[in-house]
Amino acid sequence: MPAPVIHPRLVSQLYTEAMLLADEARGYFDEGGRAEREALEPMARVAFSCESLKVTTRLMHVIAWLLTQRAVAAGELALADARAPSRRLGAAPYSDASALAAMPPRARALIDGSIALFRRTARLDATLDASLDDGPAPSPARDMIERLRGAF
């Protein structure tokens, strides 16, 4: 069975998305959101700062994982080495829903975007493991063709 590798185009698209989101988050949390942060209550300001760090952590985990996938696809890193715990996606920091509710809309959008990107990347990472354990994933198209054949 060939080693499961994520298509380089998907990795490239996700990498571009992660870098754009990271740049947008940096611009907002460093400068653009300063006035919004200052308008918050003291504890909400602390939560705002914590959430900005969580966004950065999520995005850096995703970017590092994607760079690992690029190295595997380019033959610069063995698949077995890419599966080492130090090269895996890592755990995402938890964001409390009540803290998010107190965030300004732009901050919430960036936080939600980082969570969504991390979850999509985590599903890809899990898919690689599942494909090693269970063999190739069944094709939905082939399944549909087989059901159509059986119907006629």
C-alpha atoms as a PDB file:
ATOM      1  CA  MET A   1       0.000   0.000   0.000  1.00  0.00           C
ATOM      2  CA  PRO A   2       1.482   3.404  -0.903  1.00  0.00           C
ATOM      3  CA  ALA A   3       2.214   5.737   1.975  1.00  0.00           C
ATOM      4  CA  PRO A   4      -0.613   8.182   2.536  1.00  0.00           C
ATOM      5  CA  VAL A   5       0.389  11.711   1.610  1.00  0.00           C
ATOM      6  CA  ILE A   6      -1.863  14.726   1.410  1.00  0.00           C
ATOM      7  CA  HIS A   7      -2.028  16.215  -2.070  1.00  0.00           C
ATOM      8  CA  PRO A   8       0.541  19.026  -2.379  1.00  0.00           C
ATOM      9  CA  ARG A   9      -2.053  21.412  -3.806  1.00  0.00           C
ATOM     10  CA  LEU A  10      -4.233  21.011  -0.704  1.00  0.00           C
ATOM     11  CA  VAL A  11      -1.218  21.559   1.540  1.00  0.00           C
ATOM     12  CA  SER A  12      -0.314  24.672  -0.439  1.00  0.00           C
ATOM     13  CA  GLN A  13      -3.851  26.074  -0.229  1.00  0.00           C
ATOM     14  CA  LEU A  14      -4.053  25.448   3.507  1.00  0.00           C
ATOM     15  CA  TYR A  15      -0.611  26.971   3.991  1.00  0.00           C
ATOM     16  CA  THR A  16      -1.672  30.120   2.127  1.00  0.00           C
ATOM     17  CA  GLU A  17      -4.863  30.300   4.184  1.00  0.00           C
ATOM     18  CA  ALA A  18      -2.932  29.857   7.441  1.00  0.00           C
ATOM     19  CA  MET A  19      -0.364  32.500   6.524  1.00  0.00           C
ATOM     20  CA  LEU A  20      -3.058  34.999   5.527  1.00  0.00           C
ATOM     21  CA  LEU A  21      -4.969  34.366   8.745  1.00  0.00           C
ATOM     22  CA  ALA A  22      -1.756  34.686  10.770  1.00  0.00           C
ATOM     23  CA  ASP A  23      -0.950  38.012   9.109  1.00  0.00           C
ATOM     24  CA  GLU A  24      -4.493  39.258   9.633  1.00  0.00           C
ATOM     25  CA  ALA A  25      -4.441  38.182  13.292  1.00  0.00           C
ATOM     26  CA  ARG A  26      -1.049  39.794  13.870  1.00  0.00           C
ATOM     27  CA  GLY A  27      -2.245  43.064  12.374  1.00  0.00           C
ATOM     28  CA  TYR A  28      -5.419  43.047  14.418  1.00  0.00           C
ATOM     29  CA  PHE A  29      -4.071  41.913  17.787  1.00  0.00           C
ATOM     30  CA  ASP A  30      -0.904  44.056  17.563  1.00  0.00           C
ATOM     31  CA  GLU A  31      -2.434  47.259  16.247  1.00  0.00           C
ATOM     32  CA  GLY A  32      -5.958  47.269  14.844  1.00  0.00           C
ATOM     33  CA  GLY A  33      -7.658  45.828  17.895  1.00  0.00           C
ATOM     34  CA  ARG A  34      -5.853  48.007  20.420  1.00  0.00           C
ATOM     35  CA  ALA A  35      -8.746  50.469  20.806  1.00  0.00           C
ATOM     36  CA  GLU A  36     -11.252  47.611  21.101  1.00  0.00           C
ATOM     37  CA  ARG A  37      -9.083  45.908  23.714  1.00  0.00           C
ATOM     38  CA  GLU A  38      -8.749  49.103  25.747  1.00  0.00           C
ATOM     39  CA  ALA A  39     -12.533  49.540  25.769  1.00  0.00           C
ATOM     40  CA  LEU A  40     -12.994  46.188  27.519  1.00  0.00           C
ATOM     41  CA  GLU A  41     -13.295  45.614  31.250  1.00  0.00           C
ATOM     42  CA  PRO A  42      -9.975  44.637  32.908  1.00  0.00           C
ATOM     43  CA  MET A  43     -10.696  40.883  33.067  1.00  0.00           C
ATOM     44  CA  ALA A  44     -11.993  40.904  29.490  1.00  0.00           C
ATOM     45  CA  ARG A  45      -8.728  42.619  28.451  1.00  0.00           C
ATOM     46  CA  VAL A  46      -6.783  39.765  30.003  1.00  0.00           C
ATOM     47  CA  ALA A  47      -9.016  37.258  28.185  1.00  0.00           C
ATOM     48  CA  PHE A  48      -8.492  39.218  24.949  1.00  0.00           C
ATOM     49  CA  SER A  49      -4.708  38.940  25.350  1.00  0.00           C
ATOM     50  CA  CYS A  50      -4.961  35.242  26.177  1.00  0.00           C
ATOM     51  CA  GLU A  51      -7.131  34.617  23.116  1.00  0.00           C
ATOM     52  CA  SER A  52      -4.626  36.411  20.877  1.00  0.00           C
ATOM     53  CA  LEU A  53      -1.941  34.014  22.138  1.00  0.00           C
ATOM     54  CA  LYS A  54      -4.239  31.036  21.550  1.00  0.00           C
ATOM     55  CA  VAL A  55      -4.873  32.158  17.961  1.00  0.00           C
ATOM     56  CA  THR A  56      -1.119  32.423  17.400  1.00  0.00           C
ATOM     57  CA  THR A  57      -0.526  28.997  18.960  1.00  0.00           C
ATOM     58  CA  ARG A  58      -3.188  27.324  16.820  1.00  0.00           C
ATOM     59  CA  LEU A  59      -1.889  28.905  13.639  1.00  0.00           C
ATOM     60  CA  MET A  60       1.753  28.090  14.362  1.00  0.00           C
ATOM     61  CA  HIS A  61       0.838  24.444  15.046  1.00  0.00           C
ATOM     62  CA  VAL A  62      -1.014  24.314  11.712  1.00  0.00           C
ATOM     63  CA  ILE A  63       1.804  26.012   9.786  1.00  0.00           C
ATOM     64  CA  ALA A  64       4.451  23.712  11.276  1.00  0.00           C
ATOM     65  CA  TRP A  65       2.340  20.645  10.422  1.00  0.00           C
ATOM     66  CA  LEU A  66       1.817  21.864   6.862  1.00  0.00           C
ATOM     67  CA  LEU A  67       5.545  22.483   6.433  1.00  0.00           C
ATOM     68  CA  THR A  68       6.127  18.909   7.588  1.00  0.00           C
ATOM     69  CA  GLN A  69       3.666  17.665   4.953  1.00  0.00           C
ATOM     70  CA  ARG A  70       5.494  19.711   2.309  1.00  0.00           C
ATOM     71  CA  ALA A  71       8.789  18.141   3.356  1.00  0.00           C
ATOM     72  CA  VAL A  72       7.284  14.634   3.091  1.00  0.00           C
ATOM     73  CA  ALA A  73       5.850  15.366  -0.372  1.00  0.00           C
ATOM     74  CA  ALA A  74       9.212  16.756  -1.536  1.00  0.00           C
ATOM     75  CA  GLY A  75      11.049  13.673  -0.275  1.00  0.00           C
ATOM     76  CA  GLU A  76      12.994  15.749   2.257  1.00  0.00           C
ATOM     77  CA  LEU A  77      11.486  13.949   5.239  1.00  0.00           C
ATOM     78  CA  ALA A  78      10.552  10.308   5.629  1.00  0.00           C
ATOM     79  CA  LEU A  79       6.906   9.617   6.411  1.00  0.00           C
ATOM     80  CA  ALA A  80       7.951   7.711   9.536  1.00  0.00           C
ATOM     81  CA  ASP A  81       9.835  10.791  10.761  1.00  0.00           C
ATOM     82  CA  ALA A  82       6.805  12.985  10.049  1.00  0.00           C
ATOM     83  CA  ARG A  83       4.759  10.750  12.366  1.00  0.00           C
ATOM     84  CA  ALA A  84       7.026  11.428  15.328  1.00  0.00           C
ATOM     85  CA  PRO A  85       5.087  13.100  18.163  1.00  0.00           C
ATOM     86  CA  SER A  86       7.255  16.223  17.900  1.00  0.00           C
ATOM     87  CA  ARG A  87       6.152  16.700  14.277  1.00  0.00           C
ATOM     88  CA  ARG A  88       2.457  16.051  14.830  1.00  0.00           C
ATOM     89  CA  LEU A  89      -0.167  18.766  14.968  1.00  0.00           C
ATOM     90  CA  GLY A  90      -0.133  19.217  18.730  1.00  0.00           C
ATOM     91  CA  ALA A  91      -2.999  20.089  20.995  1.00  0.00           C
ATOM     92  CA  ALA A  92      -5.095  23.172  20.399  1.00  0.00           C
ATOM     93  CA  PRO A  93      -5.628  25.578  23.268  1.00  0.00           C
ATOM     94  CA  TYR A  94      -9.201  25.678  24.496  1.00  0.00           C
ATOM     95  CA  SER A  95     -11.249  28.866  24.116  1.00  0.00           C
ATOM     96  CA  ASP A  96     -14.100  29.294  26.568  1.00  0.00           C
ATOM     97  CA  ALA A  97     -17.423  30.163  24.921  1.00  0.00           C
ATOM     98  CA  SER A  98     -18.315  32.720  27.586  1.00  0.00           C
ATOM     99  CA  ALA A  99     -14.975  34.498  27.126  1.00  0.00           C
ATOM    100  CA  LEU A 100     -15.506  34.512  23.357  1.00  0.00           C
ATOM    101  CA  ALA A 101     -18.941  36.043  23.771  1.00  0.00           C
ATOM    102  CA  ALA A 102     -17.330  39.097  25.424  1.00  0.00           C
ATOM    103  CA  MET A 103     -14.854  39.603  22.563  1.00  0.00           C
ATOM    104  CA  PRO A 104     -15.270  42.310  19.932  1.00  0.00           C
ATOM    105  CA  PRO A 105     -16.719  40.927  16.652  1.00  0.00           C
ATOM    106  CA  ARG A 106     -13.431  41.132  14.725  1.00  0.00           C
ATOM    107  CA  ALA A 107     -11.543  39.302  17.456  1.00  0.00           C
ATOM    108  CA  ARG A 108     -14.259  36.622  17.568  1.00  0.00           C
ATOM    109  CA  ALA A 109     -14.022  36.166  13.801  1.00  0.00           C
ATOM    110  CA  LEU A 110     -10.246  35.650  13.972  1.00  0.00           C
ATOM    111  CA  ILE A 111     -10.542  33.277  16.917  1.00  0.00           C
ATOM    112  CA  ASP A 112     -13.278  31.282  15.179  1.00  0.00           C
ATOM    113  CA  GLY A 113     -11.236  31.222  11.964  1.00  0.00           C
ATOM    114  CA  SER A 114      -8.192  29.834  13.763  1.00  0.00           C
ATOM    115  CA  ILE A 115     -10.314  27.187  15.493  1.00  0.00           C
ATOM    116  CA  ALA A 116     -11.917  26.129  12.202  1.00  0.00           C
ATOM    117  CA  LEU A 117      -8.575  25.917  10.390  1.00  0.00           C
ATOM    118  CA  PHE A 118      -7.065  23.916  13.240  1.00  0.00           C
ATOM    119  CA  ARG A 119     -10.000  21.477  13.242  1.00  0.00           C
ATOM    120  CA  ARG A 120      -9.767  20.953   9.474  1.00  0.00           C
ATOM    121  CA  THR A 121      -6.049  20.315   9.772  1.00  0.00           C
ATOM    122  CA  ALA A 122      -6.598  17.939  12.699  1.00  0.00           C
ATOM    123  CA  ARG A 123      -9.052  15.938  10.564  1.00  0.00           C
ATOM    124  CA  LEU A 124      -6.408  15.649   7.835  1.00  0.00           C
ATOM    125  CA  ASP A 125      -3.825  14.546  10.370  1.00  0.00           C
ATOM    126  CA  ALA A 126      -6.222  11.929  11.742  1.00  0.00           C
ATOM    127  CA  THR A 127      -7.005  10.766   8.205  1.00  0.00           C
ATOM    128  CA  LEU A 128      -3.350   9.937   7.660  1.00  0.00           C
ATOM    129  CA  ASP A 129      -3.362   7.722  10.739  1.00  0.00           C
ATOM    130  CA  ALA A 130      -6.676   6.116   9.826  1.00  0.00           C
ATOM    131  CA  SER A 131      -5.415   5.295   6.349  1.00  0.00           C
ATOM    132  CA  LEU A 132      -2.424   3.494   7.855  1.00  0.00           C
ATOM    133  CA  ASP A 133      -4.605   1.519  10.260  1.00  0.00           C
ATOM    134  CA  ASP A 134      -7.493   0.616   8.005  1.00  0.00           C
ATOM    135  CA  GLY A 135      -5.985   0.615   4.532  1.00  0.00           C
ATOM    136  CA  PRO A 136      -7.218   2.975   1.849  1.00  0.00           C
ATOM    137  CA  ALA A 137     -10.415   4.857   2.597  1.00  0.00           C
ATOM    138  CA  PRO A 138     -13.402   3.637   0.600  1.00  0.00           C
ATOM    139  CA  SER A 139     -14.287   5.803  -2.353  1.00  0.00           C
ATOM    140  CA  PRO A 140     -17.785   7.300  -2.149  1.00  0.00           C
ATOM    141  CA  ALA A 141     -17.935   7.340  -5.949  1.00  0.00           C
ATOM    142  CA  ARG A 142     -17.034   3.637  -6.202  1.00  0.00           C
ATOM    143  CA  ASP A 143     -19.587   2.838  -3.517  1.00  0.00           C
ATOM    144  CA  MET A 144     -22.280   4.667  -5.521  1.00  0.00           C
ATOM    145  CA  ILE A 145     -21.295   2.825  -8.719  1.00  0.00           C
ATOM    146  CA  GLU A 146     -21.474  -0.528  -6.909  1.00  0.00           C
ATOM    147  CA  ARG A 147     -24.926   0.290  -5.548  1.00  0.00           C
ATOM    148  CA  LEU A 148     -26.108   1.301  -9.016  1.00  0.00           C
ATOM    149  CA  ARG A 149     -24.747  -1.956 -10.464  1.00  0.00           C
ATOM    150  CA  GLY A 150     -26.577  -3.892  -7.796  1.00  0.00           C
ATOM    151  CA  ALA A 151     -29.821  -2.089  -8.555  1.00  0.00           C
ATOM    152  CA  PHE A 152     -29.789  -3.064 -12.237  1.00  0.00           C
END
